[in-house]
Amino acid sequence: MDQITLSEAQPGKVYIISGIKDEARLQNRLSSMGLLCGSKVEVCQNLKKQPVLVFARDTLVAIGRDESKKIMLGGKENE
């Protein structure tokens, strides 16, 4: 599967984080929550002009729309 950004992900699917575009602040913030490359995330909600809600490591996390465009996802876990 081609890489997509978190902002393009479908709700209800589990994805794997494949990369975070070069922004040290965002990388540090996500890594402090345990969201690293290779981590599995389930997209719970992805509505336009609202934060993306993801479930990862037994926690619901809201990621801003602009930041979600910088998080690259590899493939769907449930394909």
PDB file of N, CA and C in Angstrom:
ATOM      1  N   MET A   1       0.844  -1.183   0.000  1.00  0.00           N
ATOM      2  CA  MET A   1       0.000   0.000   0.000  1.00  0.00           C
ATOM      3  C   MET A   1       0.887   1.243   0.000  1.00  0.00           C
ATOM      4  N   ASP A   2       0.465   2.253  -0.704  1.00  0.00           N
ATOM      5  CA  ASP A   2       1.197   3.516  -0.722  1.00  0.00           C
ATOM      6  C   ASP A   2       1.108   4.188   0.635  1.00  0.00           C
ATOM      7  N   GLN A   3       2.080   5.037   0.904  1.00  0.00           N
ATOM      8  CA  GLN A   3       2.046   5.792   2.148  1.00  0.00           C
ATOM      9  C   GLN A   3       1.009   6.896   2.052  1.00  0.00           C
ATOM     10  N   ILE A   4       0.324   7.118   3.159  1.00  0.00           N
ATOM     11  CA  ILE A   4      -0.623   8.219   3.255  1.00  0.00           C
ATOM     12  C   ILE A   4      -0.301   8.983   4.534  1.00  0.00           C
ATOM     13  N   THR A   5      -0.901  10.146   4.671  1.00  0.00           N
ATOM     14  CA  THR A   5      -0.727  10.891   5.917  1.00  0.00           C
ATOM     15  C   THR A   5      -1.872  10.542   6.857  1.00  0.00           C
ATOM     16  N   LEU A   6      -1.674  10.846   8.121  1.00  0.00           N
ATOM     17  CA  LEU A   6      -2.715  10.573   9.116  1.00  0.00           C
ATOM     18  C   LEU A   6      -3.995  11.339   8.795  1.00  0.00           C
ATOM     19  N   SER A   7      -3.868  12.504   8.191  1.00  0.00           N
ATOM     20  CA  SER A   7      -5.050  13.300   7.865  1.00  0.00           C
ATOM     21  C   SER A   7      -5.910  12.641   6.783  1.00  0.00           C
ATOM     22  N   GLU A   8      -5.346  11.679   6.035  1.00  0.00           N
ATOM     23  CA  GLU A   8      -6.074  10.980   4.972  1.00  0.00           C
ATOM     24  C   GLU A   8      -6.584   9.605   5.408  1.00  0.00           C
ATOM     25  N   ALA A   9      -6.277   9.194   6.623  1.00  0.00           N
ATOM     26  CA  ALA A   9      -6.600   7.842   7.092  1.00  0.00           C
ATOM     27  C   ALA A   9      -8.096   7.662   7.317  1.00  0.00           C
ATOM     28  N   GLN A  10      -8.547   6.424   7.128  1.00  0.00           N
ATOM     29  CA  GLN A  10      -9.961   6.094   7.299  1.00  0.00           C
ATOM     30  C   GLN A  10     -10.241   5.713   8.750  1.00  0.00           C
ATOM     31  N   PRO A  11     -11.318   6.239   9.328  1.00  0.00           N
ATOM     32  CA  PRO A  11     -11.695   5.853  10.694  1.00  0.00           C
ATOM     33  C   PRO A  11     -12.011   4.359  10.774  1.00  0.00           C
ATOM     34  N   GLY A  12     -11.691   3.761  11.912  1.00  0.00           N
ATOM     35  CA  GLY A  12     -11.965   2.357  12.131  1.00  0.00           C
ATOM     36  C   GLY A  12     -10.871   1.428  11.650  1.00  0.00           C
ATOM     37  N   LYS A  13      -9.828   1.953  11.048  1.00  0.00           N
ATOM     38  CA  LYS A  13      -8.724   1.142  10.533  1.00  0.00           C
ATOM     39  C   LYS A  13      -7.503   1.292  11.437  1.00  0.00           C
ATOM     40  N   VAL A  14      -6.674   0.262  11.454  1.00  0.00           N
ATOM     41  CA  VAL A  14      -5.427   0.284  12.217  1.00  0.00           C
ATOM     42  C   VAL A  14      -4.282   0.460  11.228  1.00  0.00           C
ATOM     43  N   TYR A  15      -3.429   1.430  11.492  1.00  0.00           N
ATOM     44  CA  TYR A  15      -2.299   1.741  10.629  1.00  0.00           C
ATOM     45  C   TYR A  15      -1.003   1.642  11.422  1.00  0.00           C
ATOM     46  N   ILE A  16       0.100   1.667  10.710  1.00  0.00           N
ATOM     47  CA  ILE A  16       1.420   1.653  11.333  1.00  0.00           C
ATOM     48  C   ILE A  16       2.141   2.949  10.943  1.00  0.00           C
ATOM     49  N   ILE A  17       2.663   3.651  11.941  1.00  0.00           N
ATOM     50  CA  ILE A  17       3.389   4.901  11.666  1.00  0.00           C
ATOM     51  C   ILE A  17       4.700   4.549  10.966  1.00  0.00           C
ATOM     52  N   SER A  18       4.902   5.121   9.773  1.00  0.00           N
ATOM     53  CA  SER A  18       6.117   4.825   9.028  1.00  0.00           C
ATOM     54  C   SER A  18       7.121   5.976   9.069  1.00  0.00           C
ATOM     55  N   GLY A  19       6.670   7.160   9.436  1.00  0.00           N
ATOM     56  CA  GLY A  19       7.597   8.283   9.510  1.00  0.00           C
ATOM     57  C   GLY A  19       6.918   9.552   9.966  1.00  0.00           C
ATOM     58  N   ILE A  20       7.733  10.480  10.444  1.00  0.00           N
ATOM     59  CA  ILE A  20       7.250  11.795  10.868  1.00  0.00           C
ATOM     60  C   ILE A  20       8.120  12.811  10.157  1.00  0.00           C
ATOM     61  N   LYS A  21       7.487  13.683   9.380  1.00  0.00           N
ATOM     62  CA  LYS A  21       8.257  14.676   8.612  1.00  0.00           C
ATOM     63  C   LYS A  21       9.014  15.601   9.546  1.00  0.00           C
ATOM     64  N   ASP A  22      10.147  16.131   9.034  1.00  0.00           N
ATOM     65  CA  ASP A  22      11.134  16.818   9.859  1.00  0.00           C
ATOM     66  C   ASP A  22      10.620  17.973  10.685  1.00  0.00           C
ATOM     67  N   GLU A  23      10.085  17.700  11.791  1.00  0.00           N
ATOM     68  CA  GLU A  23       9.772  18.744  12.751  1.00  0.00           C
ATOM     69  C   GLU A  23      10.114  18.185  14.127  1.00  0.00           C
ATOM     70  N   ALA A  24      11.213  18.657  14.687  1.00  0.00           N
ATOM     71  CA  ALA A  24      11.737  18.097  15.941  1.00  0.00           C
ATOM     72  C   ALA A  24      10.727  18.212  17.083  1.00  0.00           C
ATOM     73  N   ARG A  25      10.015  19.318  17.151  1.00  0.00           N
ATOM     74  CA  ARG A  25       9.044  19.508  18.236  1.00  0.00           C
ATOM     75  C   ARG A  25       7.957  18.445  18.181  1.00  0.00           C
ATOM     76  N   LEU A  26       7.442  18.180  16.991  1.00  0.00           N
ATOM     77  CA  LEU A  26       6.392  17.172  16.823  1.00  0.00           C
ATOM     78  C   LEU A  26       6.941  15.780  17.119  1.00  0.00           C
ATOM     79  N   GLN A  27       8.139  15.479  16.640  1.00  0.00           N
ATOM     80  CA  GLN A  27       8.740  14.171  16.905  1.00  0.00           C
ATOM     81  C   GLN A  27       8.942  13.948  18.399  1.00  0.00           C
ATOM     82  N   ASN A  28       9.396  14.969  19.098  1.00  0.00           N
ATOM     83  CA  ASN A  28       9.597  14.853  20.545  1.00  0.00           C
ATOM     84  C   ASN A  28       8.278  14.657  21.280  1.00  0.00           C
ATOM     85  N   ARG A  29       7.252  15.403  20.879  1.00  0.00           N
ATOM     86  CA  ARG A  29       5.959  15.300  21.546  1.00  0.00           C
ATOM     87  C   ARG A  29       5.342  13.918  21.335  1.00  0.00           C
ATOM     88  N   LEU A  30       5.386  13.427  20.099  1.00  0.00           N
ATOM     89  CA  LEU A  30       4.816  12.114  19.805  1.00  0.00           C
ATOM     90  C   LEU A  30       5.616  10.992  20.475  1.00  0.00           C
ATOM     91  N   SER A  31       6.942  11.109  20.484  1.00  0.00           N
ATOM     92  CA  SER A  31       7.745  10.059  21.110  1.00  0.00           C
ATOM     93  C   SER A  31       7.525  10.019  22.621  1.00  0.00           C
ATOM     94  N   SER A  32       7.227  11.160  23.235  1.00  0.00           N
ATOM     95  CA  SER A  32       6.952  11.163  24.675  1.00  0.00           C
ATOM     96  C   SER A  32       5.639  10.445  24.991  1.00  0.00           C
ATOM     97  N   MET A  33       4.761  10.335  23.995  1.00  0.00           N
ATOM     98  CA  MET A  33       3.507   9.586  24.159  1.00  0.00           C
ATOM     99  C   MET A  33       3.652   8.141  23.696  1.00  0.00           C
ATOM    100  N   GLY A  34       4.852   7.775  23.229  1.00  0.00           N
ATOM    101  CA  GLY A  34       5.084   6.420  22.767  1.00  0.00           C
ATOM    102  C   GLY A  34       4.695   6.194  21.323  1.00  0.00           C
ATOM    103  N   LEU A  35       4.437   7.255  20.578  1.00  0.00           N
ATOM    104  CA  LEU A  35       4.074   7.133  19.164  1.00  0.00           C
ATOM    105  C   LEU A  35       5.334   7.291  18.320  1.00  0.00           C
ATOM    106  N   LEU A  36       5.968   6.168  18.039  1.00  0.00           N
ATOM    107  CA  LEU A  36       7.214   6.138  17.285  1.00  0.00           C
ATOM    108  C   LEU A  36       6.988   5.449  15.955  1.00  0.00           C
ATOM    109  N   CYS A  37       7.966   5.497  15.084  1.00  0.00           N
ATOM    110  CA  CYS A  37       7.886   4.737  13.835  1.00  0.00           C
ATOM    111  C   CYS A  37       7.718   3.267  14.178  1.00  0.00           C
ATOM    112  N   GLY A  38       6.768   2.624  13.536  1.00  0.00           N
ATOM    113  CA  GLY A  38       6.468   1.224  13.811  1.00  0.00           C
ATOM    114  C   GLY A  38       5.323   1.030  14.778  1.00  0.00           C
ATOM    115  N   SER A  39       4.867   2.104  15.416  1.00  0.00           N
ATOM    116  CA  SER A  39       3.746   1.995  16.357  1.00  0.00           C
ATOM    117  C   SER A  39       2.436   1.822  15.599  1.00  0.00           C
ATOM    118  N   LYS A  40       1.540   1.026  16.177  1.00  0.00           N
ATOM    119  CA  LYS A  40       0.211   0.835  15.594  1.00  0.00           C
ATOM    120  C   LYS A  40      -0.742   1.870  16.175  1.00  0.00           C
ATOM    121  N   VAL A  41      -1.551   2.477  15.305  1.00  0.00           N
ATOM    122  CA  VAL A  41      -2.562   3.431  15.753  1.00  0.00           C
ATOM    123  C   VAL A  41      -3.888   3.088  15.084  1.00  0.00           C
ATOM    124  N   GLU A  42      -4.963   3.181  15.852  1.00  0.00           N
ATOM    125  CA  GLU A  42      -6.307   2.993  15.303  1.00  0.00           C
ATOM    126  C   GLU A  42      -6.947   4.365  15.170  1.00  0.00           C
ATOM    127  N   VAL A  43      -7.389   4.697  13.981  1.00  0.00           N
ATOM    128  CA  VAL A  43      -8.025   5.995  13.745  1.00  0.00           C
ATOM    129  C   VAL A  43      -9.474   5.893  14.206  1.00  0.00           C
ATOM    130  N   CYS A  44      -9.842   6.695  15.199  1.00  0.00           N
ATOM    131  CA  CYS A  44     -11.195   6.664  15.746  1.00  0.00           C
ATOM    132  C   CYS A  44     -12.095   7.687  15.068  1.00  0.00           C
ATOM    133  N   GLN A  45     -11.552   8.860  14.773  1.00  0.00           N
ATOM    134  CA  GLN A  45     -12.347   9.916  14.143  1.00  0.00           C
ATOM    135  C   GLN A  45     -11.442  10.765  13.277  1.00  0.00           C
ATOM    136  N   ASN A  46     -11.913  11.075  12.070  1.00  0.00           N
ATOM    137  CA  ASN A  46     -11.139  11.912  11.158  1.00  0.00           C
ATOM    138  C   ASN A  46     -12.112  12.772  10.357  1.00  0.00           C
ATOM    139  N   LEU A  47     -12.629  13.801  11.005  1.00  0.00           N
ATOM    140  CA  LEU A  47     -13.561  14.726  10.364  1.00  0.00           C
ATOM    141  C   LEU A  47     -12.802  15.957   9.889  1.00  0.00           C
ATOM    142  N   LYS A  48     -13.240  16.520   8.778  1.00  0.00           N
ATOM    143  CA  LYS A  48     -12.578  17.709   8.236  1.00  0.00           C
ATOM    144  C   LYS A  48     -12.626  18.849   9.245  1.00  0.00           C
ATOM    145  N   LYS A  49     -11.545  19.597   9.325  1.00  0.00           N
ATOM    146  CA  LYS A  49     -11.408  20.782  10.173  1.00  0.00           C
ATOM    147  C   LYS A  49     -11.522  20.488  11.666  1.00  0.00           C
ATOM    148  N   GLN A  50     -11.282  19.238  12.062  1.00  0.00           N
ATOM    149  CA  GLN A  50     -11.246  18.872  13.476  1.00  0.00           C
ATOM    150  C   GLN A  50     -10.000  18.025  13.712  1.00  0.00           C
ATOM    151  N   PRO A  51      -9.533  17.947  14.951  1.00  0.00           N
ATOM    152  CA  PRO A  51      -8.376  17.088  15.225  1.00  0.00           C
ATOM    153  C   PRO A  51      -8.678  15.625  14.894  1.00  0.00           C
ATOM    154  N   VAL A  52      -7.630  14.882  14.567  1.00  0.00           N
ATOM    155  CA  VAL A  52      -7.762  13.453  14.297  1.00  0.00           C
ATOM    156  C   VAL A  52      -7.629  12.727  15.635  1.00  0.00           C
ATOM    157  N   LEU A  53      -8.590  11.861  15.950  1.00  0.00           N
ATOM    158  CA  LEU A  53      -8.543  11.087  17.180  1.00  0.00           C
ATOM    159  C   LEU A  53      -7.998   9.707  16.871  1.00  0.00           C
ATOM    160  N   VAL A  54      -6.925   9.340  17.556  1.00  0.00           N
ATOM    161  CA  VAL A  54      -6.337   8.019  17.369  1.00  0.00           C
ATOM    162  C   VAL A  54      -6.233   7.322  18.718  1.00  0.00           C
ATOM    163  N   PHE A  55      -6.350   6.003  18.678  1.00  0.00           N
ATOM    164  CA  PHE A  55      -6.204   5.176  19.874  1.00  0.00           C
ATOM    165  C   PHE A  55      -4.894   4.415  19.738  1.00  0.00           C
ATOM    166  N   ALA A  56      -3.982   4.685  20.658  1.00  0.00           N
ATOM    167  CA  ALA A  56      -2.678   4.024  20.612  1.00  0.00           C
ATOM    168  C   ALA A  56      -2.188   3.819  22.035  1.00  0.00           C
ATOM    169  N   ARG A  57      -1.629   2.646  22.290  1.00  0.00           N
ATOM    170  CA  ARG A  57      -1.060   2.336  23.600  1.00  0.00           C
ATOM    171  C   ARG A  57      -2.064   2.580  24.722  1.00  0.00           C
ATOM    172  N   ASP A  58      -3.301   2.118  24.529  1.00  0.00           N
ATOM    173  CA  ASP A  58      -4.384   2.213  25.517  1.00  0.00           C
ATOM    174  C   ASP A  58      -4.757   3.649  25.874  1.00  0.00           C
ATOM    175  N   THR A  59      -4.535   4.573  24.959  1.00  0.00           N
ATOM    176  CA  THR A  59      -4.836   5.982  25.197  1.00  0.00           C
ATOM    177  C   THR A  59      -5.448   6.603  23.954  1.00  0.00           C
ATOM    178  N   LEU A  60      -6.463   7.449  24.148  1.00  0.00           N
ATOM    179  CA  LEU A  60      -7.052   8.207  23.050  1.00  0.00           C
ATOM    180  C   LEU A  60      -6.311   9.531  22.938  1.00  0.00           C
ATOM    181  N   VAL A  61      -5.762   9.803  21.754  1.00  0.00           N
ATOM    182  CA  VAL A  61      -4.934  10.996  21.541  1.00  0.00           C
ATOM    183  C   VAL A  61      -5.559  11.834  20.430  1.00  0.00           C
ATOM    184  N   ALA A  62      -5.665  13.139  20.659  1.00  0.00           N
ATOM    185  CA  ALA A  62      -6.135  14.072  19.636  1.00  0.00           C
ATOM    186  C   ALA A  62      -4.911  14.736  19.015  1.00  0.00           C
ATOM    187  N   ILE A  63      -4.806  14.647  17.702  1.00  0.00           N
ATOM    188  CA  ILE A  63      -3.682  15.244  16.982  1.00  0.00           C
ATOM    189  C   ILE A  63      -4.237  16.299  16.039  1.00  0.00           C
ATOM    190  N   GLY A  64      -3.717  17.498  16.127  1.00  0.00           N
ATOM    191  CA  GLY A  64      -4.196  18.612  15.316  1.00  0.00           C
ATOM    192  C   GLY A  64      -4.117  18.324  13.819  1.00  0.00           C
ATOM    193  N   ARG A  65      -4.975  18.950  13.063  1.00  0.00           N
ATOM    194  CA  ARG A  65      -5.070  18.726  11.622  1.00  0.00           C
ATOM    195  C   ARG A  65      -3.736  19.010  10.924  1.00  0.00           C
ATOM    196  N   ASP A  66      -3.074  20.128  11.258  1.00  0.00           N
ATOM    197  CA  ASP A  66      -1.799  20.455  10.611  1.00  0.00           C
ATOM    198  C   ASP A  66      -0.724  19.423  10.959  1.00  0.00           C
ATOM    199  N   GLU A  67      -0.701  18.989  12.216  1.00  0.00           N
ATOM    200  CA  GLU A  67       0.283  17.984  12.625  1.00  0.00           C
ATOM    201  C   GLU A  67      -0.009  16.638  11.987  1.00  0.00           C
ATOM    202  N   SER A  68      -1.275  16.308  11.798  1.00  0.00           N
ATOM    203  CA  SER A  68      -1.632  15.007  11.216  1.00  0.00           C
ATOM    204  C   SER A  68      -1.170  14.897   9.759  1.00  0.00           C
ATOM    205  N   LYS A  69      -0.958  16.026   9.106  1.00  0.00           N
ATOM    206  CA  LYS A  69      -0.469  16.008   7.728  1.00  0.00           C
ATOM    207  C   LYS A  69       1.023  15.689   7.653  1.00  0.00           C
ATOM    208  N   LYS A  70       1.716  15.699   8.803  1.00  0.00           N
ATOM    209  CA  LYS A  70       3.148  15.440   8.848  1.00  0.00           C
ATOM    210  C   LYS A  70       3.469  14.022   9.314  1.00  0.00           C
ATOM    211  N   ILE A  71       2.443  13.243   9.664  1.00  0.00           N
ATOM    212  CA  ILE A  71       2.643  11.878  10.148  1.00  0.00           C
ATOM    213  C   ILE A  71       2.318  10.913   9.016  1.00  0.00           C
ATOM    214  N   MET A  72       3.322  10.148   8.595  1.00  0.00           N
ATOM    215  CA  MET A  72       3.160   9.213   7.491  1.00  0.00           C
ATOM    216  C   MET A  72       2.793   7.835   8.023  1.00  0.00           C
ATOM    217  N   LEU A  73       1.833   7.195   7.356  1.00  0.00           N
ATOM    218  CA  LEU A  73       1.383   5.865   7.738  1.00  0.00           C
ATOM    219  C   LEU A  73       1.757   4.875   6.665  1.00  0.00           C
ATOM    220  N   GLY A  74       2.206   3.703   7.098  1.00  0.00           N
ATOM    221  CA  GLY A  74       2.642   2.672   6.155  1.00  0.00           C
ATOM    222  C   GLY A  74       1.491   1.917   5.546  1.00  0.00           C
ATOM    223  N   GLY A  75       0.939   0.964   6.254  1.00  0.00           N
ATOM    224  CA  GLY A  75      -0.115   0.124   5.697  1.00  0.00           C
ATOM    225  C   GLY A  75      -1.178  -0.181   6.719  1.00  0.00           C
ATOM    226  N   LYS A  76      -2.336  -0.603   6.220  1.00  0.00           N
ATOM    227  CA  LYS A  76      -3.424  -0.961   7.119  1.00  0.00           C
ATOM    228  C   LYS A  76      -3.126  -2.324   7.718  1.00  0.00           C
ATOM    229  N   GLU A  77      -3.284  -2.418   9.011  1.00  0.00           N
ATOM    230  CA  GLU A  77      -3.054  -3.661   9.738  1.00  0.00           C
ATOM    231  C   GLU A  77      -4.108  -4.709   9.366  1.00  0.00           C
ATOM    232  N   ASN A  78      -5.342  -4.269   9.114  1.00  0.00           N
ATOM    233  CA  ASN A  78      -6.434  -5.219   8.901  1.00  0.00           C
ATOM    234  C   ASN A  78      -6.774  -5.422   7.427  1.00  0.00           C
ATOM    235  N   GLU A  79      -5.788  -5.421   6.551  1.00  0.00           N
ATOM    236  CA  GLU A  79      -6.008  -5.752   5.141  1.00  0.00           C
ATOM    237  C   GLU A  79      -5.542  -7.159   4.886  1.00  0.00           C
TER     238      GLU A  79
END
